[in-house]
C-alpha atoms as a PDB file:
ATOM      1  CA  MET A   1      -1.936  31.720 -40.907  1.00  0.00           C
ATOM      2  CA  LEU A   2      -2.825  29.860 -37.392  1.00  0.00           C
ATOM      3  CA  LEU A   3      -1.689  26.800 -35.721  1.00  0.00           C
ATOM      4  CA  GLY A   4      -6.141  26.637 -34.499  1.00  0.00           C
ATOM      5  CA  GLU A   5      -6.615  25.912 -38.123  1.00  0.00           C
ATOM      6  CA  PHE A   6      -5.556  22.536 -38.021  1.00  0.00           C
ATOM      7  CA  ASP A   7      -7.722  21.389 -35.575  1.00  0.00           C
ATOM      8  CA  TYR A   8     -10.533  18.284 -34.951  1.00  0.00           C
ATOM      9  CA  HIS A   9     -12.304  16.281 -32.497  1.00  0.00           C
ATOM     10  CA  LEU A  10     -11.263  13.387 -32.034  1.00  0.00           C
ATOM     11  CA  PRO A  11     -12.644  10.473 -29.092  1.00  0.00           C
ATOM     12  CA  PRO A  12     -10.041   9.410 -26.953  1.00  0.00           C
ATOM     13  CA  GLU A  13     -11.285   5.647 -27.697  1.00  0.00           C
ATOM     14  CA  LEU A  14      -9.572   6.206 -30.864  1.00  0.00           C
ATOM     15  CA  ILE A  15      -6.350   6.292 -30.147  1.00  0.00           C
ATOM     16  CA  ALA A  16      -4.570   2.656 -30.811  1.00  0.00           C
ATOM     17  CA  GLN A  17      -3.405   1.587 -27.332  1.00  0.00           C
ATOM     18  CA  GLU A  18      -1.665  -2.089 -28.886  1.00  0.00           C
ATOM     19  CA  PRO A  19      -0.287  -2.623 -32.755  1.00  0.00           C
ATOM     20  CA  LEU A  20      -2.555  -4.942 -35.116  1.00  0.00           C
ATOM     21  CA  PRO A  21      -1.878  -8.679 -34.937  1.00  0.00           C
ATOM     22  CA  ASP A  22      -0.789  -8.323 -38.166  1.00  0.00           C
ATOM     23  CA  ARG A  23       1.287  -5.371 -39.271  1.00  0.00           C
ATOM     24  CA  ALA A  24      -0.087  -5.292 -42.949  1.00  0.00           C
ATOM     25  CA  GLY A  25      -3.637  -5.407 -41.161  1.00  0.00           C
ATOM     26  CA  ALA A  26      -4.612  -1.777 -41.189  1.00  0.00           C
ATOM     27  CA  ARG A  27      -7.017  -0.168 -43.328  1.00  0.00           C
ATOM     28  CA  MET A  28      -6.053   2.671 -45.466  1.00  0.00           C
ATOM     29  CA  LEU A  29      -8.255   5.730 -46.088  1.00  0.00           C
ATOM     30  CA  VAL A  30      -6.737   6.969 -49.836  1.00  0.00           C
ATOM     31  CA  VAL A  31      -7.112  10.518 -50.898  1.00  0.00           C
ATOM     32  CA  ASP A  32      -7.204  11.645 -53.972  1.00  0.00           C
ATOM     33  CA  ARG A  33      -6.104  15.696 -53.151  1.00  0.00           C
ATOM     34  CA  LYS A  34      -6.814  16.821 -56.391  1.00  0.00           C
ATOM     35  CA  ALA A  35     -10.424  15.566 -56.516  1.00  0.00           C
ATOM     36  CA  GLY A  36     -11.053  16.293 -53.050  1.00  0.00           C
ATOM     37  CA  LYS A  37     -12.377  12.555 -52.876  1.00  0.00           C
ATOM     38  CA  TRP A  38     -11.530   9.445 -50.732  1.00  0.00           C
ATOM     39  CA  GLU A  39     -12.085   5.625 -50.315  1.00  0.00           C
ATOM     40  CA  ASP A  40     -11.959   3.260 -47.260  1.00  0.00           C
ATOM     41  CA  ARG A  41      -9.395   0.455 -48.313  1.00  0.00           C
ATOM     42  CA  ARG A  42      -6.572  -1.632 -46.592  1.00  0.00           C
ATOM     43  CA  PHE A  43      -3.121  -1.230 -46.330  1.00  0.00           C
ATOM     44  CA  ARG A  44      -2.713  -4.451 -48.058  1.00  0.00           C
ATOM     45  CA  ASP A  45      -3.709  -3.135 -51.276  1.00  0.00           C
ATOM     46  CA  PHE A  46      -0.947  -0.691 -51.032  1.00  0.00           C
ATOM     47  CA  PRO A  47       1.192  -2.097 -53.776  1.00  0.00           C
ATOM     48  CA  THR A  48      -1.818  -1.660 -56.163  1.00  0.00           C
ATOM     49  CA  TYR A  49      -1.343   2.086 -55.899  1.00  0.00           C
ATOM     50  CA  LEU A  50       1.724   1.862 -57.107  1.00  0.00           C
ATOM     51  CA  HIS A  51       3.156   2.002 -61.211  1.00  0.00           C
ATOM     52  CA  ALA A  52       6.573   1.011 -62.691  1.00  0.00           C
ATOM     53  CA  GLY A  53       8.570   3.811 -62.311  1.00  0.00           C
ATOM     54  CA  ASP A  54       7.479   4.956 -59.361  1.00  0.00           C
ATOM     55  CA  CYS A  55      10.408   5.727 -56.568  1.00  0.00           C
ATOM     56  CA  LEU A  56       9.205   4.567 -52.920  1.00  0.00           C
ATOM     57  CA  VAL A  57      10.894   6.505 -50.482  1.00  0.00           C
ATOM     58  CA  LEU A  58      12.120   4.740 -46.861  1.00  0.00           C
ATOM     59  CA  ASN A  59      13.323   6.341 -43.946  1.00  0.00           C
ATOM     60  CA  ASP A  60      15.895   3.967 -42.377  1.00  0.00           C
ATOM     61  CA  SER A  61      16.063   5.205 -38.920  1.00  0.00           C
ATOM     62  CA  ARG A  62      16.001   2.745 -36.030  1.00  0.00           C
ATOM     63  CA  VAL A  63      14.426   3.446 -32.678  1.00  0.00           C
ATOM     64  CA  PHE A  64      16.351   2.967 -29.746  1.00  0.00           C
ATOM     65  CA  PRO A  65      15.560   2.445 -26.028  1.00  0.00           C
ATOM     66  CA  SER A  66      15.989   6.440 -25.252  1.00  0.00           C
ATOM     67  CA  ARG A  67      13.553   6.580 -22.204  1.00  0.00           C
ATOM     68  CA  LEU A  68      15.366   5.857 -18.977  1.00  0.00           C
ATOM     69  CA  TYR A  69      14.123   5.562 -15.278  1.00  0.00           C
ATOM     70  CA  GLY A  70      15.914   6.086 -12.034  1.00  0.00           C
ATOM     71  CA  VAL A  71      16.255   7.572  -8.429  1.00  0.00           C
ATOM     72  CA  ARG A  72      18.487  11.108  -7.381  1.00  0.00           C
ATOM     73  CA  GLU A  73      21.665   9.859  -6.526  1.00  0.00           C
ATOM     74  CA  HIS A  74      20.998  11.939  -3.044  1.00  0.00           C
ATOM     75  CA  GLY A  75      17.333  11.044  -2.870  1.00  0.00           C
ATOM     76  CA  SER A  76      14.469   8.654  -3.012  1.00  0.00           C
ATOM     77  CA  GLY A  77      12.854  10.776  -5.593  1.00  0.00           C
ATOM     78  CA  LYS A  78      11.948   8.814  -9.100  1.00  0.00           C
ATOM     79  CA  VAL A  79      13.311  10.370 -11.961  1.00  0.00           C
ATOM     80  CA  GLU A  80      13.186   9.981 -15.991  1.00  0.00           C
ATOM     81  CA  VAL A  81      15.220  10.737 -18.437  1.00  0.00           C
ATOM     82  CA  PHE A  82      14.331  11.014 -21.664  1.00  0.00           C
ATOM     83  CA  LEU A  83      17.168  11.425 -24.843  1.00  0.00           C
ATOM     84  CA  THR A  84      16.420  12.815 -27.488  1.00  0.00           C
ATOM     85  CA  ARG A  85      19.783  13.793 -29.299  1.00  0.00           C
ATOM     86  CA  PRO A  86      23.253  13.274 -29.018  1.00  0.00           C
ATOM     87  CA  VAL A  87      25.315  16.977 -29.030  1.00  0.00           C
ATOM     88  CA  SER A  88      28.970  16.001 -28.402  1.00  0.00           C
ATOM     89  CA  PRO A  89      31.123  13.984 -30.489  1.00  0.00           C
ATOM     90  CA  ASP A  90      32.101  11.121 -27.956  1.00  0.00           C
ATOM     91  CA  GLY A  91      28.167  10.468 -28.108  1.00  0.00           C
ATOM     92  CA  LEU A  92      28.022  11.025 -23.914  1.00  0.00           C
ATOM     93  CA  THR A  93      26.250  14.095 -23.663  1.00  0.00           C
ATOM     94  CA  TRP A  94      22.866  14.352 -24.630  1.00  0.00           C
ATOM     95  CA  GLU A  95      19.688  16.636 -25.173  1.00  0.00           C
ATOM     96  CA  ALA A  96      17.078  15.208 -22.937  1.00  0.00           C
ATOM     97  CA  LEU A  97      13.656  15.880 -21.539  1.00  0.00           C
ATOM     98  CA  VAL A  98      13.790  15.458 -17.385  1.00  0.00           C
ATOM     99  CA  HIS A  99      11.280  14.569 -15.393  1.00  0.00           C
ATOM    100  CA  PRO A 100      10.303  16.029 -13.177  1.00  0.00           C
ATOM    101  CA  GLY A 101      12.576  18.813 -14.164  1.00  0.00           C
ATOM    102  CA  ARG A 102      12.557  21.338 -12.056  1.00  0.00           C
ATOM    103  CA  LYS A 103      14.070  20.045  -9.090  1.00  0.00           C
ATOM    104  CA  MET A 104      17.221  18.657 -10.423  1.00  0.00           C
ATOM    105  CA  ARG A 105      19.620  21.532 -10.880  1.00  0.00           C
ATOM    106  CA  THR A 106      22.884  21.326 -12.606  1.00  0.00           C
ATOM    107  CA  GLY A 107      25.881  19.349 -11.054  1.00  0.00           C
ATOM    108  CA  GLU A 108      22.772  16.616  -9.748  1.00  0.00           C
ATOM    109  CA  ARG A 109      22.980  12.861 -10.879  1.00  0.00           C
ATOM    110  CA  VAL A 110      20.409  10.299 -11.667  1.00  0.00           C
ATOM    111  CA  VAL A 111      21.420   6.320 -11.606  1.00  0.00           C
ATOM    112  CA  ILE A 112      20.017   4.389 -13.840  1.00  0.00           C
ATOM    113  CA  SER A 113      21.295   1.204 -12.720  1.00  0.00           C
ATOM    114  CA  LYS A 114      24.631  -0.102 -11.580  1.00  0.00           C
ATOM    115  CA  ASP A 115      25.640   0.476 -14.998  1.00  0.00           C
ATOM    116  CA  LEU A 116      24.614   3.694 -15.614  1.00  0.00           C
ATOM    117  CA  THR A 117      24.139   7.823 -14.520  1.00  0.00           C
ATOM    118  CA  ALA A 118      23.419  10.700 -16.289  1.00  0.00           C
ATOM    119  CA  GLU A 119      24.516  14.177 -14.774  1.00  0.00           C
ATOM    120  CA  ILE A 120      22.394  17.411 -15.413  1.00  0.00           C
ATOM    121  CA  LEU A 121      24.678  20.003 -16.754  1.00  0.00           C
ATOM    122  CA  GLY A 122      22.150  22.739 -18.163  1.00  0.00           C
ATOM    123  CA  ARG A 123      18.914  23.872 -19.111  1.00  0.00           C
ATOM    124  CA  GLY A 124      17.507  25.024 -22.672  1.00  0.00           C
ATOM    125  CA  GLU A 125      15.544  27.304 -24.148  1.00  0.00           C
ATOM    126  CA  LEU A 126      12.904  25.341 -23.869  1.00  0.00           C
ATOM    127  CA  GLY A 127      12.854  22.983 -21.019  1.00  0.00           C
ATOM    128  CA  GLU A 128      15.246  20.250 -22.554  1.00  0.00           C
ATOM    129  CA  ARG A 129      18.185  19.483 -20.313  1.00  0.00           C
ATOM    130  CA  SER A 130      21.916  18.656 -21.519  1.00  0.00           C
ATOM    131  CA  VAL A 131      23.081  15.783 -19.641  1.00  0.00           C
ATOM    132  CA  ARG A 132      26.305  13.624 -19.189  1.00  0.00           C
ATOM    133  CA  LEU A 133      25.484  10.126 -19.279  1.00  0.00           C
ATOM    134  CA  HIS A 134      28.222   7.651 -17.804  1.00  0.00           C
ATOM    135  CA  PRO A 135      27.973   4.540 -18.968  1.00  0.00           C
ATOM    136  CA  GLY A 136      30.013   1.092 -17.276  1.00  0.00           C
ATOM    137  CA  GLY A 137      30.368  -0.352 -21.474  1.00  0.00           C
ATOM    138  CA  ASP A 138      29.478   0.632 -24.690  1.00  0.00           C
ATOM    139  CA  LEU A 139      26.203   2.734 -24.023  1.00  0.00           C
ATOM    140  CA  PHE A 140      24.341   1.405 -26.689  1.00  0.00           C
ATOM    141  CA  GLU A 141      24.840  -2.003 -25.247  1.00  0.00           C
ATOM    142  CA  VAL A 142      24.131  -0.639 -21.766  1.00  0.00           C
ATOM    143  CA  LEU A 143      20.811   1.494 -22.925  1.00  0.00           C
ATOM    144  CA  GLU A 144      19.450  -2.041 -24.619  1.00  0.00           C
ATOM    145  CA  GLY A 145      19.703  -3.383 -21.114  1.00  0.00           C
ATOM    146  CA  VAL A 146      18.315  -0.405 -19.253  1.00  0.00           C
ATOM    147  CA  GLY A 147      16.720   1.640 -21.544  1.00  0.00           C
ATOM    148  CA  HIS A 148      12.244   1.339 -22.525  1.00  0.00           C
ATOM    149  CA  VAL A 149      10.710   1.935 -25.941  1.00  0.00           C
ATOM    150  CA  PRO A 150      10.116   5.433 -26.137  1.00  0.00           C
ATOM    151  CA  LEU A 151       6.036   5.064 -26.772  1.00  0.00           C
ATOM    152  CA  PRO A 152       4.508   8.241 -26.933  1.00  0.00           C
ATOM    153  CA  PRO A 153       2.289   9.471 -23.924  1.00  0.00           C
ATOM    154  CA  TYR A 154      -0.898   9.091 -25.338  1.00  0.00           C
ATOM    155  CA  ILE A 155      -0.479   5.282 -25.317  1.00  0.00           C
ATOM    156  CA  LYS A 156      -1.312   4.920 -21.548  1.00  0.00           C
ATOM    157  CA  ARG A 157       0.576   1.738 -20.495  1.00  0.00           C
ATOM    158  CA  PRO A 158       3.673   0.703 -20.005  1.00  0.00           C
ATOM    159  CA  ASP A 159       5.994  -0.955 -22.530  1.00  0.00           C
ATOM    160  CA  THR A 160       6.348  -4.529 -23.235  1.00  0.00           C
ATOM    161  CA  ASP A 161       9.181  -6.813 -25.170  1.00  0.00           C
ATOM    162  CA  ALA A 162       6.631  -6.778 -28.199  1.00  0.00           C
ATOM    163  CA  ASP A 163       7.062  -3.337 -28.628  1.00  0.00           C
ATOM    164  CA  ARG A 164      10.976  -3.310 -29.381  1.00  0.00           C
ATOM    165  CA  THR A 165       9.646  -5.749 -32.231  1.00  0.00           C
ATOM    166  CA  ARG A 166       6.593  -3.739 -33.200  1.00  0.00           C
ATOM    167  CA  TYR A 167       7.888  -0.246 -32.634  1.00  0.00           C
ATOM    168  CA  GLN A 168      10.051  -0.399 -35.274  1.00  0.00           C
ATOM    169  CA  THR A 169      10.034  -1.179 -39.076  1.00  0.00           C
ATOM    170  CA  VAL A 170      10.790  -4.321 -40.383  1.00  0.00           C
ATOM    171  CA  TYR A 171      13.742  -2.164 -42.611  1.00  0.00           C
ATOM    172  CA  ALA A 172      15.506  -0.237 -39.975  1.00  0.00           C
ATOM    173  CA  ARG A 173      18.966  -0.252 -39.779  1.00  0.00           C
ATOM    174  CA  GLU A 174      20.663   3.533 -38.882  1.00  0.00           C
ATOM    175  CA  ARG A 175      20.066   4.184 -34.947  1.00  0.00           C
ATOM    176  CA  GLY A 176      19.386   7.310 -33.724  1.00  0.00           C
ATOM    177  CA  SER A 177      15.340   7.755 -33.256  1.00  0.00           C
ATOM    178  CA  VAL A 178      13.581   8.415 -30.322  1.00  0.00           C
ATOM    179  CA  ALA A 179      10.224   7.428 -31.800  1.00  0.00           C
ATOM    180  CA  ALA A 180       9.103   5.551 -34.513  1.00  0.00           C
ATOM    181  CA  PRO A 181       8.800   6.769 -38.204  1.00  0.00           C
ATOM    182  CA  THR A 182       4.840   5.037 -38.025  1.00  0.00           C
ATOM    183  CA  ALA A 183       3.720   4.946 -41.338  1.00  0.00           C
ATOM    184  CA  GLY A 184       6.922   2.475 -42.076  1.00  0.00           C
ATOM    185  CA  LEU A 185       5.491   0.153 -39.449  1.00  0.00           C
ATOM    186  CA  HIS A 186       2.832  -1.232 -41.438  1.00  0.00           C
ATOM    187  CA  PHE A 187       5.117  -2.723 -44.241  1.00  0.00           C
ATOM    188  CA  THR A 188       5.617  -6.369 -44.414  1.00  0.00           C
ATOM    189  CA  PRO A 189       9.150  -8.430 -45.915  1.00  0.00           C
ATOM    190  CA  GLU A 190       5.757  -9.438 -48.902  1.00  0.00           C
ATOM    191  CA  ILE A 191       4.500  -6.166 -48.791  1.00  0.00           C
ATOM    192  CA  LEU A 192       7.909  -4.663 -49.800  1.00  0.00           C
ATOM    193  CA  GLU A 193       8.002  -7.493 -52.087  1.00  0.00           C
ATOM    194  CA  ALA A 194       5.172  -6.822 -53.863  1.00  0.00           C
ATOM    195  CA  CYS A 195       6.289  -3.016 -54.545  1.00  0.00           C
ATOM    196  CA  CYS A 196       9.289  -4.315 -56.661  1.00  0.00           C
ATOM    197  CA  ALA A 197       7.033  -6.659 -58.305  1.00  0.00           C
ATOM    198  CA  ALA A 198       5.225  -3.653 -59.545  1.00  0.00           C
ATOM    199  CA  GLY A 199       8.265  -2.111 -61.082  1.00  0.00           C
ATOM    200  CA  VAL A 200       8.832   0.200 -58.214  1.00  0.00           C
ATOM    201  CA  GLU A 201      12.360   1.392 -57.062  1.00  0.00           C
ATOM    202  CA  ILE A 202      12.895   1.423 -53.511  1.00  0.00           C
ATOM    203  CA  ALA A 203      15.340   4.077 -51.938  1.00  0.00           C
ATOM    204  CA  ARG A 204      16.546   5.138 -48.511  1.00  0.00           C
ATOM    205  CA  VAL A 205      16.573   8.302 -46.222  1.00  0.00           C
ATOM    206  CA  THR A 206      17.655   8.542 -42.644  1.00  0.00           C
ATOM    207  CA  LEU A 207      16.113  11.495 -40.595  1.00  0.00           C
ATOM    208  CA  HIS A 208      16.437  10.640 -36.918  1.00  0.00           C
ATOM    209  CA  VAL A 209      13.205  11.346 -35.222  1.00  0.00           C
ATOM    210  CA  GLY A 210      13.368  13.740 -32.193  1.00  0.00           C
ATOM    211  CA  LEU A 211      12.077  16.957 -31.007  1.00  0.00           C
ATOM    212  CA  GLY A 212      12.013  18.030 -34.106  1.00  0.00           C
ATOM    213  CA  THR A 213       9.189  15.599 -35.242  1.00  0.00           C
ATOM    214  CA  PHE A 214       6.962  15.120 -31.837  1.00  0.00           C
ATOM    215  CA  GLN A 215       7.310  18.118 -29.372  1.00  0.00           C
ATOM    216  CA  PRO A 216       3.959  20.318 -29.538  1.00  0.00           C
ATOM    217  CA  LEU A 217       4.281  23.578 -31.545  1.00  0.00           C
ATOM    218  CA  ARG A 218       4.503  26.322 -28.694  1.00  0.00           C
ATOM    219  CA  THR A 219       3.295  29.196 -30.991  1.00  0.00           C
ATOM    220  CA  GLU A 220      -0.167  29.978 -32.861  1.00  0.00           C
ATOM    221  CA  LYS A 221       1.472  32.133 -35.592  1.00  0.00           C
ATOM    222  CA  LEU A 222       2.597  29.134 -37.960  1.00  0.00           C
ATOM    223  CA  GLU A 223       5.191  31.673 -39.878  1.00  0.00           C
ATOM    224  CA  GLU A 224       6.742  32.082 -36.292  1.00  0.00           C
ATOM    225  CA  VAL A 225       7.553  28.377 -35.944  1.00  0.00           C
ATOM    226  CA  HIS A 226      10.602  27.075 -35.124  1.00  0.00           C
ATOM    227  CA  LEU A 227      11.550  23.382 -35.296  1.00  0.00           C
ATOM    228  CA  HIS A 228      14.763  21.891 -33.370  1.00  0.00           C
ATOM    229  CA  LYS A 229      17.424  20.214 -35.543  1.00  0.00           C
ATOM    230  CA  GLU A 230      17.418  16.623 -36.305  1.00  0.00           C
ATOM    231  CA  PHE A 231      19.950  14.820 -38.234  1.00  0.00           C
ATOM    232  CA  PHE A 232      19.254  13.421 -41.671  1.00  0.00           C
ATOM    233  CA  GLY A 233      21.219  11.993 -44.840  1.00  0.00           C
ATOM    234  CA  VAL A 234      19.928  11.677 -47.933  1.00  0.00           C
ATOM    235  CA  PRO A 235      22.823   9.246 -50.260  1.00  0.00           C
ATOM    236  CA  GLN A 236      23.522  10.107 -53.392  1.00  0.00           C
ATOM    237  CA  GLU A 237      22.159   7.231 -54.963  1.00  0.00           C
ATOM    238  CA  THR A 238      18.698   8.208 -53.523  1.00  0.00           C
ATOM    239  CA  ARG A 239      19.289  11.992 -54.891  1.00  0.00           C
ATOM    240  CA  VAL A 240      19.434   9.948 -58.256  1.00  0.00           C
ATOM    241  CA  ALA A 241      16.486   7.848 -57.831  1.00  0.00           C
ATOM    242  CA  LEU A 242      14.450  11.088 -57.276  1.00  0.00           C
ATOM    243  CA  GLU A 243      15.815  12.635 -60.119  1.00  0.00           C
ATOM    244  CA  ARG A 244      14.601   9.814 -62.739  1.00  0.00           C
ATOM    245  CA  ALA A 245      11.514   8.704 -61.010  1.00  0.00           C
ATOM    246  CA  LEU A 246       8.539   8.855 -62.716  1.00  0.00           C
ATOM    247  CA  ARG A 247       6.920   9.913 -59.379  1.00  0.00           C
ATOM    248  CA  VAL A 248       8.500   9.900 -55.713  1.00  0.00           C
ATOM    249  CA  VAL A 249       6.002   8.072 -52.869  1.00  0.00           C
ATOM    250  CA  ALA A 250       7.468   9.091 -49.513  1.00  0.00           C
ATOM    251  CA  VAL A 251       6.633   6.625 -46.671  1.00  0.00           C
ATOM    252  CA  GLY A 252       6.048   9.170 -43.693  1.00  0.00           C
ATOM    253  CA  THR A 253       6.187  12.674 -42.843  1.00  0.00           C
ATOM    254  CA  THR A 254      10.148  12.394 -41.960  1.00  0.00           C
ATOM    255  CA  SER A 255      10.818  10.841 -46.003  1.00  0.00           C
ATOM    256  CA  VAL A 256       9.290  13.835 -46.972  1.00  0.00           C
ATOM    257  CA  ARG A 257      10.961  16.309 -44.714  1.00  0.00           C
ATOM    258  CA  ALA A 258      14.424  14.516 -45.771  1.00  0.00           C
ATOM    259  CA  ILE A 259      13.992  14.336 -49.275  1.00  0.00           C
ATOM    260  CA  GLU A 260      12.860  17.963 -49.555  1.00  0.00           C
ATOM    261  CA  SER A 261      15.328  19.605 -46.888  1.00  0.00           C
ATOM    262  CA  ASP A 262      19.164  20.617 -48.349  1.00  0.00           C
ATOM    263  CA  PRO A 263      20.942  17.222 -48.750  1.00  0.00           C
ATOM    264  CA  SER A 264      24.280  19.003 -48.105  1.00  0.00           C
ATOM    265  CA  ARG A 265      23.611  19.622 -44.404  1.00  0.00           C
ATOM    266  CA  PRO A 266      23.849  17.179 -41.896  1.00  0.00           C
ATOM    267  CA  GLU A 267      20.652  18.205 -39.857  1.00  0.00           C
ATOM    268  CA  THR A 268      17.335  20.104 -41.028  1.00  0.00           C
ATOM    269  CA  ASP A 269      14.697  22.176 -38.987  1.00  0.00           C
ATOM    270  CA  LEU A 270      12.685  22.057 -42.019  1.00  0.00           C
ATOM    271  CA  PHE A 271       8.736  23.040 -40.918  1.00  0.00           C
ATOM    272  CA  ILE A 272       6.462  22.829 -43.646  1.00  0.00           C
ATOM    273  CA  TYR A 273       3.005  24.374 -43.656  1.00  0.00           C
ATOM    274  CA  PRO A 274       0.508  25.534 -46.485  1.00  0.00           C
ATOM    275  CA  GLY A 275       2.466  27.437 -49.134  1.00  0.00           C
ATOM    276  CA  PHE A 276       5.771  25.287 -49.228  1.00  0.00           C
ATOM    277  CA  GLN A 277       6.563  24.242 -52.994  1.00  0.00           C
ATOM    278  CA  PHE A 278       7.219  20.585 -52.323  1.00  0.00           C
ATOM    279  CA  GLN A 279      10.286  19.690 -54.912  1.00  0.00           C
ATOM    280  CA  HIS A 280       9.927  16.247 -55.079  1.00  0.00           C
ATOM    281  CA  THR A 281       7.160  14.622 -52.961  1.00  0.00           C
ATOM    282  CA  GLU A 282       4.196  13.596 -55.333  1.00  0.00           C
ATOM    283  CA  ALA A 283       2.205  10.994 -53.262  1.00  0.00           C
ATOM    284  CA  MET A 284       2.984  10.423 -49.405  1.00  0.00           C
ATOM    285  CA  LEU A 285       1.705   7.410 -47.013  1.00  0.00           C
ATOM    286  CA  THR A 286       1.007   8.954 -43.599  1.00  0.00           C
ATOM    287  CA  ASN A 287      -0.713   7.801 -40.144  1.00  0.00           C
ATOM    288  CA  PHE A 288      -2.920  10.086 -38.903  1.00  0.00           C
ATOM    289  CA  HIS A 289      -1.668  13.032 -36.806  1.00  0.00           C
ATOM    290  CA  LEU A 290      -2.615  14.623 -33.156  1.00  0.00           C
ATOM    291  CA  PRO A 291      -4.601  17.948 -33.992  1.00  0.00           C
ATOM    292  CA  ARG A 292      -2.581  20.878 -33.851  1.00  0.00           C
ATOM    293  CA  SER A 293       0.816  19.443 -34.489  1.00  0.00           C
ATOM    294  CA  SER A 294       3.554  20.122 -37.254  1.00  0.00           C
ATOM    295  CA  LEU A 295       2.708  16.543 -39.189  1.00  0.00           C
ATOM    296  CA  LEU A 296      -0.969  17.443 -39.438  1.00  0.00           C
ATOM    297  CA  VAL A 297       0.248  20.879 -40.948  1.00  0.00           C
ATOM    298  CA  LEU A 298       2.792  18.972 -43.609  1.00  0.00           C
ATOM    299  CA  VAL A 299      -0.114  16.909 -44.185  1.00  0.00           C
ATOM    300  CA  CYS A 300      -2.519  19.862 -44.712  1.00  0.00           C
ATOM    301  CA  ALA A 301       0.579  21.376 -46.678  1.00  0.00           C
ATOM    302  CA  PHE A 302       0.171  18.480 -49.166  1.00  0.00           C
ATOM    303  CA  GLY A 303      -3.340  17.386 -49.415  1.00  0.00           C
ATOM    304  CA  GLY A 304      -4.626  20.591 -49.081  1.00  0.00           C
ATOM    305  CA  LYS A 305      -6.511  21.784 -45.479  1.00  0.00           C
ATOM    306  CA  ASP A 306     -10.052  21.448 -46.493  1.00  0.00           C
ATOM    307  CA  VAL A 307      -9.276  18.199 -48.321  1.00  0.00           C
ATOM    308  CA  ILE A 308      -7.477  16.570 -45.434  1.00  0.00           C
ATOM    309  CA  LEU A 309      -8.966  18.157 -42.301  1.00  0.00           C
ATOM    310  CA  ALA A 310     -12.601  16.867 -43.903  1.00  0.00           C
ATOM    311  CA  ALA A 311     -10.787  13.069 -44.625  1.00  0.00           C
ATOM    312  CA  TYR A 312     -10.159  13.268 -41.119  1.00  0.00           C
ATOM    313  CA  ARG A 313     -12.936  14.276 -39.933  1.00  0.00           C
ATOM    314  CA  HIS A 314     -14.692  11.093 -42.167  1.00  0.00           C
ATOM    315  CA  ALA A 315     -12.049   8.532 -40.222  1.00  0.00           C
ATOM    316  CA  VAL A 316     -13.519   9.878 -36.913  1.00  0.00           C
ATOM    317  CA  GLU A 317     -16.936   9.099 -38.371  1.00  0.00           C
ATOM    318  CA  LYS A 318     -15.762   5.610 -39.356  1.00  0.00           C
ATOM    319  CA  LYS A 319     -13.524   4.739 -36.511  1.00  0.00           C
ATOM    320  CA  TYR A 320      -9.916   4.486 -37.970  1.00  0.00           C
ATOM    321  CA  ARG A 321      -7.212   3.850 -35.209  1.00  0.00           C
ATOM    322  CA  PHE A 322      -5.418   6.812 -34.648  1.00  0.00           C
ATOM    323  CA  PHE A 323      -2.068   7.852 -34.241  1.00  0.00           C
ATOM    324  CA  SER A 324       1.300   5.742 -34.180  1.00  0.00           C
ATOM    325  CA  TYR A 325      -0.223   2.293 -33.920  1.00  0.00           C
ATOM    326  CA  GLY A 326      -3.212   2.771 -35.715  1.00  0.00           C
ATOM    327  CA  ASP A 327      -4.326   3.057 -39.575  1.00  0.00           C
ATOM    328  CA  CYS A 328      -2.824   5.262 -42.380  1.00  0.00           C
ATOM    329  CA  MET A 329      -3.785   7.406 -45.222  1.00  0.00           C
ATOM    330  CA  LEU A 330      -2.862   7.433 -48.903  1.00  0.00           C
ATOM    331  CA  ILE A 331      -2.775  11.076 -50.550  1.00  0.00           C
ATOM    332  CA  LYS A 332      -2.102  10.475 -54.314  1.00  0.00           C
END
């Protein structure tokens, strides 16, 4: 199966650059995957599609300010260090994307602020770097002061103070993501209360979003794809909830990957593509994803490639808002 089969035309003006004033104000395309039909609704209608006995699975990972800007210690060149994943027990050595990476040699340092420097330790197979952080205090306290919200590159503006709240789910609690689990951005406390009032059990998983979720695929043959590993966890109470649920509704592709991965492992590199046998997921809320991305491939695996790509064409025609700060799709 080829990656080129998972493509569609998207006018750039449909890529959402700002969140809506109202979190729950997004449009929602409801797709009946078995009937191959869809209808245009609003996210506020989401609780009406839930039933008593459903289990709603949320990824409670919290985004932290992982994009850093600095200068070379010996020189004037500006450098961006984008932290993606801790790789040492003390949490100070990280896998990172560095730009401009080719000019940064092993041993060089980037001065982020008076309280933080980053030392280049080595280069990975796919261009990522290993960096050692030297903070003047607790690392995450320092990052809160000097780091930037890691907005994706298709949002063509600097991050703002408002993004620290809006590029975060209202139920986020486990710090570790470098991109938001965006399907969850639509929820408000009132919507969650309405879900519970419908007799739905809410269960939590944690998957810290990193390169395995958002890095572009580098091979055309899907059978040859290998994703980066991401930290995840499925608590025992969630595993029990999944087994007793009449239907499991996963919020976001990260929640899907978490509950479909081996819960005994601390990391997952699960790549879901058509032919995958879902063990738990029976409905999914998800945002609209980039063409030729692992996330679009996952959604097609769940909803059916022809149905999903036709629904995407409908969304483009009806001028839905796409990607992180955009509208959403419920696949049932």
